[in-house]
Amino acid sequence: QVQLVESGGGLVQAGGSLKLSCVASGRASSSYVMGWFRQAPGKDREFVAAITWTSCSTNYVDSVKGRFTISRDNAKNTMYLQMNSLKPEDTAVYYCNADLKMRGVTYYQTHPGDYWGQGTQVTVSS
């Protein structure tokens, strides 16, 4: 079992920045790929970014490339999402996810792991 707790969401003006954190516990050290997904009101859940255990591989949805950066600190069992140049369309609940299987970041984009956090709200005002 893996427990995930997100933090760092909030209200920010367009063009601003936020940094999300996801602290993992339980079998956290076995989490091969971790990532962020988001869900806006009335929309399906969307992949945002993913990173492997070694941080050697990352993957981003096209709409956030160049603006968001995913990272992880395995010593702290923590994953981060630095979000810059935020846009109103980034408004959503952001969820942390962990996958214990040895699968790549590309496959993970459409096949997230079994473990989810409770979500943190990000609201970007225009």
C-alpha atoms as a PDB file:
ATOM      1  CA  GLN A   1       0.000   0.000   0.000  1.00  0.00           C
ATOM      2  CA  VAL A   2       1.056   3.554  -0.718  1.00  0.00           C
ATOM      3  CA  GLN A   3      -0.447   6.641   0.868  1.00  0.00           C
ATOM      4  CA  LEU A   4      -0.149   9.957  -0.956  1.00  0.00           C
ATOM      5  CA  VAL A   5      -0.803  13.435   0.404  1.00  0.00           C
ATOM      6  CA  GLU A   6      -0.735  16.509  -1.826  1.00  0.00           C
ATOM      7  CA  SER A   7      -0.254  20.109  -0.759  1.00  0.00           C
ATOM      8  CA  GLY A   8       0.592  23.461  -2.257  1.00  0.00           C
ATOM      9  CA  GLY A   9      -2.551  24.318  -4.169  1.00  0.00           C
ATOM     10  CA  GLY A  10      -4.208  27.697  -3.969  1.00  0.00           C
ATOM     11  CA  LEU A  11      -5.450  30.756  -5.804  1.00  0.00           C
ATOM     12  CA  VAL A  12      -3.043  32.591  -8.079  1.00  0.00           C
ATOM     13  CA  GLN A  13      -3.323  35.175 -10.826  1.00  0.00           C
ATOM     14  CA  ALA A  14      -2.576  34.290 -14.426  1.00  0.00           C
ATOM     15  CA  GLY A  15       1.165  34.357 -15.038  1.00  0.00           C
ATOM     16  CA  GLY A  16       1.914  33.384 -11.458  1.00  0.00           C
ATOM     17  CA  SER A  17       3.522  30.275 -10.011  1.00  0.00           C
ATOM     18  CA  LEU A  18       2.717  27.497  -7.576  1.00  0.00           C
ATOM     19  CA  LYS A  19       4.653  24.463  -6.384  1.00  0.00           C
ATOM     20  CA  LEU A  20       2.747  21.306  -5.533  1.00  0.00           C
ATOM     21  CA  SER A  21       4.152  18.609  -3.273  1.00  0.00           C
ATOM     22  CA  CYS A  22       3.171  14.980  -2.858  1.00  0.00           C
ATOM     23  CA  VAL A  23       4.474  13.071   0.146  1.00  0.00           C
ATOM     24  CA  ALA A  24       4.377   9.292  -0.140  1.00  0.00           C
ATOM     25  CA  SER A  25       4.346   6.771   2.693  1.00  0.00           C
ATOM     26  CA  GLY A  26       3.915   3.039   3.026  1.00  0.00           C
ATOM     27  CA  ARG A  27       5.535   1.223   0.107  1.00  0.00           C
ATOM     28  CA  ALA A  28       6.626   4.579  -1.225  1.00  0.00           C
ATOM     29  CA  SER A  29      10.147   3.438  -1.944  1.00  0.00           C
ATOM     30  CA  SER A  30       8.769   0.949  -4.444  1.00  0.00           C
ATOM     31  CA  SER A  31       6.975   3.572  -6.510  1.00  0.00           C
ATOM     32  CA  TYR A  32       8.631   3.284  -9.878  1.00  0.00           C
ATOM     33  CA  VAL A  33       6.688   5.994 -11.685  1.00  0.00           C
ATOM     34  CA  MET A  34       4.921   8.864 -10.009  1.00  0.00           C
ATOM     35  CA  GLY A  35       2.912  11.528 -11.677  1.00  0.00           C
ATOM     36  CA  TRP A  36       0.343  14.284 -11.592  1.00  0.00           C
ATOM     37  CA  PHE A  37      -3.122  14.277 -13.087  1.00  0.00           C
ATOM     38  CA  ARG A  38      -5.755  16.995 -12.992  1.00  0.00           C
ATOM     39  CA  GLN A  39      -9.495  17.252 -13.349  1.00  0.00           C
ATOM     40  CA  ALA A  40     -11.376  20.432 -14.128  1.00  0.00           C
ATOM     41  CA  PRO A  41     -15.116  20.771 -13.437  1.00  0.00           C
ATOM     42  CA  GLY A  42     -17.139  18.932 -16.038  1.00  0.00           C
ATOM     43  CA  LYS A  43     -14.065  17.443 -17.687  1.00  0.00           C
ATOM     44  CA  ASP A  44     -12.339  14.093 -17.643  1.00  0.00           C
ATOM     45  CA  ARG A  45      -9.210  13.519 -15.636  1.00  0.00           C
ATOM     46  CA  GLU A  46      -6.120  14.551 -17.613  1.00  0.00           C
ATOM     47  CA  PHE A  47      -2.505  13.438 -17.418  1.00  0.00           C
ATOM     48  CA  VAL A  48      -0.131  16.286 -16.583  1.00  0.00           C
ATOM     49  CA  ALA A  49       3.360  14.923 -15.903  1.00  0.00           C
ATOM     50  CA  ALA A  50       5.273  11.826 -14.821  1.00  0.00           C
ATOM     51  CA  ILE A  51       8.726  10.930 -13.551  1.00  0.00           C
ATOM     52  CA  THR A  52      10.546   7.655 -12.987  1.00  0.00           C
ATOM     53  CA  TRP A  53      12.167   6.509  -9.729  1.00  0.00           C
ATOM     54  CA  THR A  54      15.615   7.515 -10.947  1.00  0.00           C
ATOM     55  CA  SER A  55      14.347  10.822 -12.362  1.00  0.00           C
ATOM     56  CA  CYS A  56      15.965   9.833 -15.641  1.00  0.00           C
ATOM     57  CA  SER A  57      12.726   9.967 -17.578  1.00  0.00           C
ATOM     58  CA  THR A  58       9.948  12.511 -17.526  1.00  0.00           C
ATOM     59  CA  ASN A  59       6.841  13.054 -19.613  1.00  0.00           C
ATOM     60  CA  TYR A  60       4.528  16.039 -19.932  1.00  0.00           C
ATOM     61  CA  VAL A  61       1.251  16.769 -21.625  1.00  0.00           C
ATOM     62  CA  ASP A  62       1.859  19.227 -24.462  1.00  0.00           C
ATOM     63  CA  SER A  63      -0.155  22.022 -22.854  1.00  0.00           C
ATOM     64  CA  VAL A  64       2.249  22.331 -19.908  1.00  0.00           C
ATOM     65  CA  LYS A  65       5.600  21.745 -21.619  1.00  0.00           C
ATOM     66  CA  GLY A  66       7.986  24.594 -20.937  1.00  0.00           C
ATOM     67  CA  ARG A  67       5.866  25.851 -18.026  1.00  0.00           C
ATOM     68  CA  PHE A  68       5.701  22.935 -15.562  1.00  0.00           C
ATOM     69  CA  THR A  69       8.587  20.917 -14.120  1.00  0.00           C
ATOM     70  CA  ILE A  70       8.214  17.614 -12.301  1.00  0.00           C
ATOM     71  CA  SER A  71      10.843  16.399  -9.858  1.00  0.00           C
ATOM     72  CA  ARG A  72      11.211  14.003  -6.948  1.00  0.00           C
ATOM     73  CA  ASP A  73      13.361  13.645  -3.855  1.00  0.00           C
ATOM     74  CA  ASN A  74      13.438   9.961  -2.999  1.00  0.00           C
ATOM     75  CA  ALA A  75      15.216  10.579   0.302  1.00  0.00           C
ATOM     76  CA  LYS A  76      12.170  12.562   1.371  1.00  0.00           C
ATOM     77  CA  ASN A  77       9.641  10.362  -0.469  1.00  0.00           C
ATOM     78  CA  THR A  78       8.348  13.542  -2.050  1.00  0.00           C
ATOM     79  CA  MET A  79       7.417  14.513  -5.581  1.00  0.00           C
ATOM     80  CA  TYR A  80       7.004  18.090  -6.762  1.00  0.00           C
ATOM     81  CA  LEU A  81       5.331  19.959  -9.581  1.00  0.00           C
ATOM     82  CA  GLN A  82       6.654  23.459 -10.180  1.00  0.00           C
ATOM     83  CA  MET A  83       4.055  25.354 -12.172  1.00  0.00           C
ATOM     84  CA  ASN A  84       5.055  28.632 -13.809  1.00  0.00           C
ATOM     85  CA  SER A  85       3.252  30.982 -16.189  1.00  0.00           C
ATOM     86  CA  LEU A  86      -0.061  29.625 -14.994  1.00  0.00           C
ATOM     87  CA  LYS A  87      -3.132  30.096 -17.159  1.00  0.00           C
ATOM     88  CA  PRO A  88      -6.829  30.056 -16.260  1.00  0.00           C
ATOM     89  CA  GLU A  89      -7.150  26.775 -18.156  1.00  0.00           C
ATOM     90  CA  ASP A  90      -4.784  25.190 -15.623  1.00  0.00           C
ATOM     91  CA  THR A  91      -7.537  25.518 -13.016  1.00  0.00           C
ATOM     92  CA  ALA A  92      -8.340  22.034 -11.702  1.00  0.00           C
ATOM     93  CA  VAL A  93      -7.973  19.650  -8.828  1.00  0.00           C
ATOM     94  CA  TYR A  94      -4.489  18.163  -9.082  1.00  0.00           C
ATOM     95  CA  TYR A  95      -3.956  14.561  -8.020  1.00  0.00           C
ATOM     96  CA  CYS A  96      -0.766  12.716  -7.212  1.00  0.00           C
ATOM     97  CA  ASN A  97      -0.465   9.130  -8.432  1.00  0.00           C
ATOM     98  CA  ALA A  98       1.981   6.285  -7.865  1.00  0.00           C
ATOM     99  CA  ASP A  99       2.643   3.148  -9.876  1.00  0.00           C
ATOM    100  CA  LEU A 100       4.541   0.212  -8.376  1.00  0.00           C
ATOM    101  CA  LYS A 101       5.005  -1.545 -11.690  1.00  0.00           C
ATOM    102  CA  MET A 102       8.088  -1.227 -13.844  1.00  0.00           C
ATOM    103  CA  ARG A 103       6.447   0.628 -16.722  1.00  0.00           C
ATOM    104  CA  GLY A 104       7.646   3.635 -18.662  1.00  0.00           C
ATOM    105  CA  VAL A 105       6.418   7.193 -18.466  1.00  0.00           C
ATOM    106  CA  THR A 106       4.785   7.005 -21.882  1.00  0.00           C
ATOM    107  CA  TYR A 107       2.649   3.967 -21.010  1.00  0.00           C
ATOM    108  CA  TYR A 108       1.892   5.513 -17.632  1.00  0.00           C
ATOM    109  CA  GLN A 109       0.279   8.532 -19.306  1.00  0.00           C
ATOM    110  CA  THR A 110      -2.814   6.473 -20.130  1.00  0.00           C
ATOM    111  CA  HIS A 111      -2.371   3.766 -17.484  1.00  0.00           C
ATOM    112  CA  PRO A 112      -1.803   5.397 -14.100  1.00  0.00           C
ATOM    113  CA  GLY A 113      -1.040   3.366 -11.002  1.00  0.00           C
ATOM    114  CA  ASP A 114      -3.475   2.228  -8.376  1.00  0.00           C
ATOM    115  CA  TYR A 115      -2.614   4.798  -5.728  1.00  0.00           C
ATOM    116  CA  TRP A 116      -4.075   8.300  -5.611  1.00  0.00           C
ATOM    117  CA  GLY A 117      -3.905  11.255  -3.271  1.00  0.00           C
ATOM    118  CA  GLN A 118      -6.933  13.237  -2.172  1.00  0.00           C
ATOM    119  CA  GLY A 119      -6.202  16.128  -4.523  1.00  0.00           C
ATOM    120  CA  THR A 120      -5.334  19.776  -4.119  1.00  0.00           C
ATOM    121  CA  GLN A 121      -7.236  22.648  -5.762  1.00  0.00           C
ATOM    122  CA  VAL A 122      -5.415  25.011  -8.099  1.00  0.00           C
ATOM    123  CA  THR A 123      -7.343  28.072  -9.224  1.00  0.00           C
ATOM    124  CA  VAL A 124      -5.880  30.556 -11.700  1.00  0.00           C
ATOM    125  CA  SER A 125      -7.722  33.831 -12.076  1.00  0.00           C
ATOM    126  CA  SER A 126      -7.597  35.903 -15.251  1.00  0.00           C
END
